[in-house]
Amino acid sequence: MANPLSSVLDSFSALFSGSKSGESVLGIDIGSSAIKVVQLRKRRGTAVLETYGELALGPYSQVDIGRATNLSAEQLSTALTDLIREANVTTRSVGVAVPFSASLITLIQMPNLPRKQLAEMIPIEARKYIPVPISEVTLDWFIVPQDESKFLSHEEKEKAQASNKVDVLVVAIHNEVLGKYQDVMERAGLSVSFYEIEIFSAIRAAIGQGVAPAMVIDMGAASTKVYLVEYGVVKSSHIINRGAQDVTFGLSKSTGISVTKAEELKRTEGLVRTDGQTTQSILLTLEYIFSEANRVLLNYQKRFNKNIGQVVLTGGGAAMKGLEEYAARHFETEVVLADPFAKVESPAFLEEVLEEVGPEFSVAVGVALRKLHEQG
């Protein structure tokens, strides 16, 4: 039976690639508060946007829009089917992103041995880093390419050669989560060729091919994920247990308005209210998130003696007006909003809208781009 996680090697080889031609494909991102889909097609060597859509999950769980949910497979499949219909999706060929919270990713050093030997050793070594029995997860691994050594200093090259070690990225996903997602897709009548952890999807869509290390801050509803990426490889990751819904809750509590109204206000006015006043309750949550992210950044720079060249904001929470400017005050490097739709061809009249909602669709776009790559 094929590994349902697919291959981490495929995931990396597809980070910045696309296919030559083929049929329409769909990227699916099931978040805690919403589902997003992006349908692409390859035309003359270019990824073309055919349709996209988002559906809040709150109503399916009898809670407010914007709040995190924990729906059953049946409820998720109903929501997904509704979104596919509303977005006029025409393909059943899909790739699916799996939540980062349901996975474990770690970079370990192994002896520079043949793959067959490594395949026997890595599951044993991985037990040191995985807090649950190996039998409860689907495990995959990837040898970080040595050709990135051309970017190393002379001292770093000598150190790497002397150690005769290779860096191996180990990825594990809970079987229970994979089983649930497979159930959802089967109920929705979709044909899935791979499941990949959302971190790889986000990186593929949100950052370019630059050499300088970058930090991706993915702000979801319930939590914020921080990824440190170098040469397209995840070198470090961190979860901050606050997200966009905490901004909404704070705004609702401080102003005395309903959570629904607070969510609407957050989306339409963001950090700067129409009366020119900045809501302090929003800043308290953001201050915590960005202070934690900056701590991760500084620790990385100290550990590897390398500066982060860029901070990329993505996820549903990153679409908040004024966030980019506020975040820039916390980091001594360039801060930008992810613009995943810039990697696909789309109608000119949608350009402004796609740029505005782009951060919310980074994962869905990233999955769809990998799905196109599958076509060869």
Protein backbone atom coordinates (compact mmCIF):
# COMPACT_ATOMS: atom_id res chain seq x y z
CA MET A 1 0.00 0.00 0.00
CA ALA A 2 1.34 3.43 -0.93
CA ASN A 3 2.26 5.86 1.81
CA PRO A 4 -0.81 8.18 2.09
CA LEU A 5 1.47 10.99 3.17
CA SER A 6 3.06 10.64 -0.25
CA SER A 7 6.75 11.38 -0.47
CA VAL A 8 8.50 14.21 1.28
CA LEU A 9 10.99 14.01 -1.57
CA ASP A 10 8.17 14.74 -4.03
CA SER A 11 7.03 17.57 -1.78
CA PHE A 12 10.42 19.23 -1.95
CA SER A 13 11.06 18.58 -5.63
CA ALA A 14 7.75 20.27 -6.36
CA LEU A 15 8.36 23.33 -4.18
CA PHE A 16 8.88 25.69 -7.09
CA SER A 17 8.00 23.57 -10.09
CA GLY A 18 5.05 23.18 -12.42
CA SER A 19 3.84 20.81 -15.10
CA LYS A 20 3.90 21.24 -18.87
CA SER A 21 0.26 20.52 -19.59
CA GLY A 22 -2.72 18.70 -18.19
CA GLU A 23 -6.22 18.77 -16.82
CA SER A 24 -7.62 20.94 -14.06
CA VAL A 25 -6.50 20.20 -10.50
CA LEU A 26 -7.74 21.28 -7.09
CA GLY A 27 -5.83 22.24 -3.96
CA ILE A 28 -7.76 21.85 -0.69
CA ASP A 29 -6.90 23.50 2.62
CA ILE A 30 -9.12 22.47 5.53
CA GLY A 31 -8.39 24.88 8.35
CA SER A 32 -9.93 25.06 11.80
CA SER A 33 -12.25 27.95 10.88
CA ALA A 34 -12.64 27.67 7.11
CA ILE A 35 -12.06 25.53 4.03
CA LYS A 36 -10.30 27.04 1.00
CA VAL A 37 -10.05 25.58 -2.49
CA VAL A 38 -8.08 26.69 -5.55
CA GLN A 39 -8.54 25.14 -9.01
CA LEU A 40 -5.69 25.52 -11.51
CA ARG A 41 -4.91 24.36 -15.00
CA LYS A 42 -1.62 24.38 -16.92
CA ARG A 43 -1.67 26.34 -20.17
CA ARG A 44 1.43 26.96 -22.29
CA GLY A 45 3.71 26.35 -19.35
CA THR A 46 1.81 28.66 -16.99
CA ALA A 47 -0.45 27.85 -14.05
CA VAL A 48 -3.84 29.43 -14.76
CA LEU A 49 -6.42 30.18 -12.06
CA GLU A 50 -9.84 28.75 -12.96
CA THR A 51 -11.73 29.23 -9.70
CA TYR A 52 -11.22 29.61 -5.97
CA GLY A 53 -13.43 29.79 -2.91
CA GLU A 54 -13.64 29.89 0.86
CA LEU A 55 -16.33 28.67 3.25
CA ALA A 56 -16.51 29.41 6.99
CA LEU A 57 -16.96 26.32 9.17
CA GLY A 58 -18.51 28.08 12.14
CA PRO A 59 -22.14 27.63 10.97
CA TYR A 60 -21.56 23.87 10.59
CA SER A 61 -20.61 23.74 14.26
CA GLN A 62 -23.22 26.24 15.51
CA VAL A 63 -20.54 28.80 16.45
CA ASP A 64 -19.64 32.24 15.11
CA ILE A 65 -17.84 32.71 11.80
CA GLY A 66 -14.10 32.98 12.36
CA ARG A 67 -14.02 30.66 15.35
CA ALA A 68 -12.03 27.42 15.35
CA THR A 69 -14.09 24.23 15.06
CA ASN A 70 -13.61 20.49 15.47
CA LEU A 71 -16.05 18.96 12.99
CA SER A 72 -16.63 15.29 12.27
CA ALA A 73 -15.66 13.76 8.93
CA GLU A 74 -19.31 13.81 7.91
CA GLN A 75 -19.70 17.51 8.73
CA LEU A 76 -16.46 18.42 6.95
CA SER A 77 -17.45 16.49 3.84
CA THR A 78 -20.80 18.30 3.79
CA ALA A 79 -19.05 21.68 4.04
CA LEU A 80 -16.50 20.71 1.40
CA THR A 81 -19.23 19.53 -0.97
CA ASP A 82 -21.09 22.82 -0.45
CA LEU A 83 -17.95 24.84 -1.22
CA ILE A 84 -17.14 22.81 -4.33
CA ARG A 85 -20.63 23.51 -5.61
CA GLU A 86 -20.60 27.22 -4.76
CA ALA A 87 -17.13 27.76 -6.26
CA ASN A 88 -18.10 25.94 -9.48
CA VAL A 89 -15.26 23.45 -9.13
CA THR A 90 -15.18 21.12 -12.14
CA THR A 91 -12.44 18.63 -11.26
CA ARG A 92 -12.29 15.69 -8.88
CA SER A 93 -8.50 15.44 -9.04
CA VAL A 94 -7.15 16.89 -5.80
CA GLY A 95 -4.29 17.29 -3.38
CA VAL A 96 -4.96 17.98 0.29
CA ALA A 97 -3.09 19.90 2.99
CA VAL A 98 -2.92 18.41 6.49
CA PRO A 99 -2.73 20.70 9.56
CA PHE A 100 0.73 21.39 10.92
CA SER A 101 -0.61 20.72 14.43
CA ALA A 102 -1.25 17.09 13.49
CA SER A 103 2.36 16.54 12.47
CA LEU A 104 5.90 16.53 13.71
CA ILE A 105 8.81 17.82 11.65
CA THR A 106 12.39 17.61 12.79
CA LEU A 107 15.82 17.92 11.20
CA ILE A 108 18.30 15.27 12.34
CA GLN A 109 21.86 14.37 11.40
CA MET A 110 22.62 10.87 10.18
CA PRO A 111 25.76 9.12 8.92
CA ASN A 112 26.33 9.56 5.19
CA LEU A 113 25.27 6.02 4.27
CA PRO A 114 23.40 4.41 1.35
CA ARG A 115 19.63 5.03 1.33
CA LYS A 116 18.87 1.38 2.08
CA GLN A 117 20.79 1.55 5.36
CA LEU A 118 19.31 4.93 6.25
CA ALA A 119 15.83 3.54 5.65
CA GLU A 120 16.47 0.99 8.39
CA MET A 121 18.12 3.44 10.81
CA ILE A 122 15.87 6.51 10.55
CA PRO A 123 12.68 4.99 12.07
CA ILE A 124 14.77 3.89 15.07
CA GLU A 125 16.39 7.31 15.43
CA ALA A 126 13.06 9.07 14.92
CA ARG A 127 11.68 7.49 18.09
CA LYS A 128 13.81 9.93 20.08
CA TYR A 129 11.88 12.86 18.63
CA ILE A 130 8.34 11.51 18.24
CA PRO A 131 6.35 11.53 21.52
CA VAL A 132 3.97 8.75 20.43
CA PRO A 133 4.59 5.15 19.28
CA ILE A 134 5.90 4.91 15.71
CA SER A 135 2.98 2.61 14.92
CA GLU A 136 0.58 5.54 15.47
CA VAL A 137 2.12 7.77 12.80
CA THR A 138 2.93 7.72 9.11
CA LEU A 139 6.63 8.44 8.78
CA ASP A 140 8.55 9.87 5.85
CA TRP A 141 11.99 11.41 5.47
CA PHE A 142 14.05 13.45 3.07
CA ILE A 143 17.82 13.89 2.68
CA VAL A 144 18.60 17.59 2.38
CA PRO A 145 20.49 18.06 -0.92
CA GLN A 146 24.21 18.63 -0.59
CA ASP A 147 24.31 21.03 -3.53
CA GLU A 148 23.26 23.81 -1.18
CA SER A 149 26.84 23.64 0.13
CA LYS A 150 27.85 26.05 -2.62
CA PHE A 151 26.27 28.75 -0.45
CA LEU A 152 28.31 27.80 2.61
CA SER A 153 31.46 29.55 3.76
CA HIS A 154 34.82 27.78 3.44
CA GLU A 155 34.78 27.04 7.18
CA GLU A 156 31.26 25.57 7.01
CA LYS A 157 32.19 23.37 4.05
CA GLU A 158 35.22 21.96 5.88
CA LYS A 159 33.12 21.27 8.96
CA ALA A 160 30.45 19.45 6.92
CA GLN A 161 33.03 17.33 5.11
CA ALA A 162 34.83 16.42 8.32
CA SER A 163 31.63 15.26 10.04
CA ASN A 164 30.67 13.01 7.11
CA LYS A 165 27.02 13.53 8.09
CA VAL A 166 23.87 14.32 6.16
CA ASP A 167 20.87 16.35 7.29
CA VAL A 168 17.63 14.39 7.16
CA LEU A 169 14.21 16.01 7.44
CA VAL A 170 11.88 13.61 9.25
CA VAL A 171 8.12 14.08 8.91
CA ALA A 172 5.40 12.25 10.85
CA ILE A 173 1.60 12.59 10.73
CA HIS A 174 -0.88 10.96 13.12
CA ASN A 175 -2.62 8.05 11.39
CA GLU A 176 -5.88 9.08 13.02
CA VAL A 177 -5.78 12.45 11.27
CA LEU A 178 -4.91 10.91 7.91
CA GLY A 179 -7.75 8.43 8.33
CA LYS A 180 -10.21 11.25 9.03
CA TYR A 181 -9.10 13.22 5.97
CA GLN A 182 -9.33 10.14 3.77
CA ASP A 183 -12.87 9.61 5.05
CA VAL A 184 -13.78 13.23 4.25
CA MET A 185 -12.49 12.99 0.70
CA GLU A 186 -14.16 9.64 0.08
CA ARG A 187 -17.50 11.01 1.26
CA ALA A 188 -17.06 14.03 -1.02
CA GLY A 189 -16.31 11.78 -3.99
CA LEU A 190 -12.84 13.21 -4.63
CA SER A 191 -9.77 11.47 -6.01
CA VAL A 192 -6.76 12.33 -3.83
CA SER A 193 -3.22 11.59 -5.00
CA PHE A 194 -1.36 13.02 -2.00
CA TYR A 195 -1.65 14.56 1.46
CA GLU A 196 1.06 16.99 2.55
CA ILE A 197 1.62 19.01 5.69
CA GLU A 198 0.45 22.60 5.22
CA ILE A 199 3.92 23.96 6.01
CA PHE A 200 5.23 22.73 2.64
CA SER A 201 2.20 24.09 0.79
CA ALA A 202 2.58 27.52 2.40
CA ILE A 203 6.29 27.70 1.62
CA ARG A 204 5.74 26.73 -2.01
CA ALA A 205 3.20 29.51 -2.52
CA ALA A 206 4.41 32.23 -0.15
CA ILE A 207 8.15 32.57 -0.73
CA GLY A 208 10.42 32.78 -3.74
CA GLN A 209 13.62 30.94 -4.57
CA GLY A 210 15.96 33.34 -2.82
CA VAL A 211 19.08 32.09 -1.05
CA ALA A 212 18.66 34.19 2.11
CA PRO A 213 16.87 32.50 5.02
CA ALA A 214 13.24 33.60 5.43
CA MET A 215 10.65 33.35 8.17
CA VAL A 216 7.01 32.55 7.36
CA ILE A 217 4.40 33.58 9.93
CA ASP A 218 1.17 31.70 9.20
CA MET A 219 -1.65 33.17 11.30
CA GLY A 220 -4.58 30.78 11.55
CA ALA A 221 -7.71 31.04 13.67
CA ALA A 222 -6.60 29.07 16.72
CA SER A 223 -2.81 29.34 16.46
CA THR A 224 0.05 30.97 14.60
CA LYS A 225 2.75 28.85 12.97
CA VAL A 226 6.30 30.11 12.48
CA TYR A 227 8.59 28.47 9.91
CA LEU A 228 12.28 29.21 9.33
CA VAL A 229 13.19 28.30 5.76
CA GLU A 230 16.63 28.12 4.15
CA TYR A 231 17.26 27.07 0.54
CA GLY A 232 13.62 25.98 0.45
CA VAL A 233 14.18 23.58 3.38
CA VAL A 234 12.42 23.90 6.75
CA LYS A 235 15.16 24.39 9.33
CA SER A 236 12.96 25.21 12.32
CA SER A 237 9.28 25.49 13.22
CA HIS A 238 7.26 26.75 16.16
CA ILE A 239 3.58 27.02 17.16
CA ILE A 240 2.23 30.06 19.03
CA ASN A 241 -1.04 29.21 20.73
CA ARG A 242 -2.83 32.40 19.75
CA GLY A 243 -4.37 33.31 16.45
CA ALA A 244 -6.90 35.40 14.59
CA GLN A 245 -9.87 34.30 16.72
CA ASP A 246 -8.10 35.67 19.81
CA VAL A 247 -8.03 39.07 18.10
CA THR A 248 -11.79 38.79 17.56
CA PHE A 249 -12.48 37.70 21.15
CA GLY A 250 -10.41 40.58 22.53
CA LEU A 251 -12.18 43.10 20.34
CA SER A 252 -15.59 41.73 21.32
CA LYS A 253 -14.80 41.84 25.04
CA SER A 254 -13.28 45.33 25.06
CA THR A 255 -16.00 46.97 22.99
CA GLY A 256 -19.01 45.03 24.27
CA ILE A 257 -20.09 43.97 20.80
CA SER A 258 -20.95 40.43 19.68
CA VAL A 259 -18.27 38.07 18.42
CA THR A 260 -19.94 38.12 14.99
CA LYS A 261 -19.81 41.91 14.85
CA ALA A 262 -16.22 41.93 16.13
CA GLU A 263 -15.18 39.50 13.39
CA GLU A 264 -16.81 41.73 10.78
CA LEU A 265 -15.13 44.83 12.22
CA LYS A 266 -11.75 43.10 12.27
CA ARG A 267 -12.09 42.11 8.62
CA THR A 268 -13.40 45.44 7.30
CA GLU A 269 -11.35 47.92 9.35
CA GLY A 270 -8.46 45.93 10.78
CA LEU A 271 -6.01 47.72 13.02
CA VAL A 272 -7.16 51.24 12.22
CA ARG A 273 -10.77 52.07 12.94
CA THR A 274 -12.66 54.43 10.65
CA ASP A 275 -12.57 57.05 13.40
CA GLY A 276 -8.78 56.89 13.31
CA GLN A 277 -8.48 55.04 16.61
CA THR A 278 -6.46 51.84 16.95
CA THR A 279 -8.16 49.23 19.10
CA GLN A 280 -5.86 48.39 22.01
CA SER A 281 -7.38 44.92 22.51
CA ILE A 282 -6.24 43.90 19.02
CA LEU A 283 -2.73 45.12 19.69
CA LEU A 284 -2.41 43.10 22.89
CA THR A 285 -2.89 39.82 21.01
CA LEU A 286 -0.69 40.87 18.10
CA GLU A 287 2.02 42.08 20.45
CA TYR A 288 2.20 38.64 22.02
CA ILE A 289 2.27 36.84 18.65
CA PHE A 290 4.96 39.02 17.10
CA SER A 291 7.08 39.11 20.25
CA GLU A 292 7.09 35.29 20.27
CA ALA A 293 7.88 35.17 16.55
CA ASN A 294 10.71 37.64 16.99
CA ARG A 295 12.13 35.51 19.80
CA VAL A 296 12.14 32.50 17.46
CA LEU A 297 13.84 34.60 14.78
CA LEU A 298 16.56 35.88 17.11
CA ASN A 299 17.24 32.39 18.49
CA TYR A 300 17.63 31.07 14.95
CA GLN A 301 20.00 33.87 13.97
CA LYS A 302 22.09 33.29 17.09
CA ARG A 303 22.19 29.51 16.66
CA PHE A 304 23.12 29.50 12.96
CA ASN A 305 24.87 32.87 12.82
CA LYS A 306 22.74 33.86 9.82
CA ASN A 307 20.41 36.81 9.33
CA ILE A 308 16.80 36.34 8.24
CA GLY A 309 16.38 38.17 4.95
CA GLN A 310 12.60 38.47 4.96
CA VAL A 311 9.50 37.87 7.10
CA VAL A 312 6.45 36.72 5.12
CA LEU A 313 2.97 37.03 6.64
CA THR A 314 0.38 34.51 5.51
CA GLY A 315 -2.80 32.78 6.72
CA GLY A 316 -6.29 34.16 7.24
CA GLY A 317 -5.22 36.46 10.06
CA ALA A 318 -2.57 38.10 7.87
CA ALA A 319 -5.24 39.66 5.65
CA MET A 320 -6.10 42.14 8.41
CA LYS A 321 -5.71 45.74 7.24
CA GLY A 322 -2.68 47.49 8.71
CA LEU A 323 -1.04 44.27 9.90
CA GLU A 324 1.96 44.46 7.58
CA GLU A 325 2.89 47.92 8.82
CA TYR A 326 2.42 46.94 12.46
CA ALA A 327 4.49 43.77 12.08
CA ALA A 328 7.33 45.73 10.47
CA ARG A 329 7.90 47.51 13.79
CA HIS A 330 8.77 44.22 15.48
CA PHE A 331 11.39 42.86 13.08
CA GLU A 332 14.68 44.33 11.95
CA THR A 333 14.20 43.01 8.44
CA GLU A 334 11.79 43.33 5.51
CA VAL A 335 8.18 42.31 6.22
CA VAL A 336 5.83 41.45 3.34
CA LEU A 337 2.40 39.93 2.84
CA ALA A 338 2.26 36.64 0.95
CA ASP A 339 0.94 37.00 -2.60
CA PRO A 340 0.43 33.39 -3.76
CA PHE A 341 -1.81 34.32 -6.69
CA ALA A 342 1.16 36.15 -8.20
CA LYS A 343 2.44 32.67 -9.12
CA VAL A 344 -0.57 31.99 -11.32
CA GLU A 345 -2.19 33.68 -14.30
CA SER A 346 -5.55 35.28 -13.56
CA PRO A 347 -7.94 37.87 -15.10
CA ALA A 348 -6.72 41.44 -14.73
CA PHE A 349 -9.96 42.57 -13.10
CA LEU A 350 -9.33 40.14 -10.22
CA GLU A 351 -5.79 41.31 -9.55
CA GLU A 352 -6.63 43.70 -6.70
CA VAL A 353 -9.04 41.27 -5.01
CA LEU A 354 -6.61 38.35 -5.25
CA GLU A 355 -3.79 40.42 -3.77
CA GLU A 356 -6.02 41.35 -0.83
CA VAL A 357 -7.22 37.81 -0.05
CA GLY A 358 -3.97 36.13 -1.10
CA PRO A 359 -2.57 35.42 2.38
CA GLU A 360 -5.66 33.34 3.18
CA PHE A 361 -5.11 31.09 0.14
CA SER A 362 -1.36 30.39 0.36
CA VAL A 363 -1.83 26.77 1.44
CA ALA A 364 -4.55 25.99 -1.11
CA VAL A 365 -2.49 27.56 -3.92
CA GLY A 366 0.61 25.67 -2.78
CA VAL A 367 -1.22 22.33 -2.84
CA ALA A 368 -2.65 23.05 -6.28
CA LEU A 369 0.80 23.96 -7.64
CA ARG A 370 2.18 20.64 -6.45
CA LYS A 371 -0.79 18.83 -7.97
CA LEU A 372 0.03 20.44 -11.32
CA HIS A 373 3.61 19.26 -10.98
CA GLU A 374 2.35 15.68 -10.70
CA GLN A 375 1.17 15.81 -14.30
CA GLY A 376 4.78 15.88 -15.50
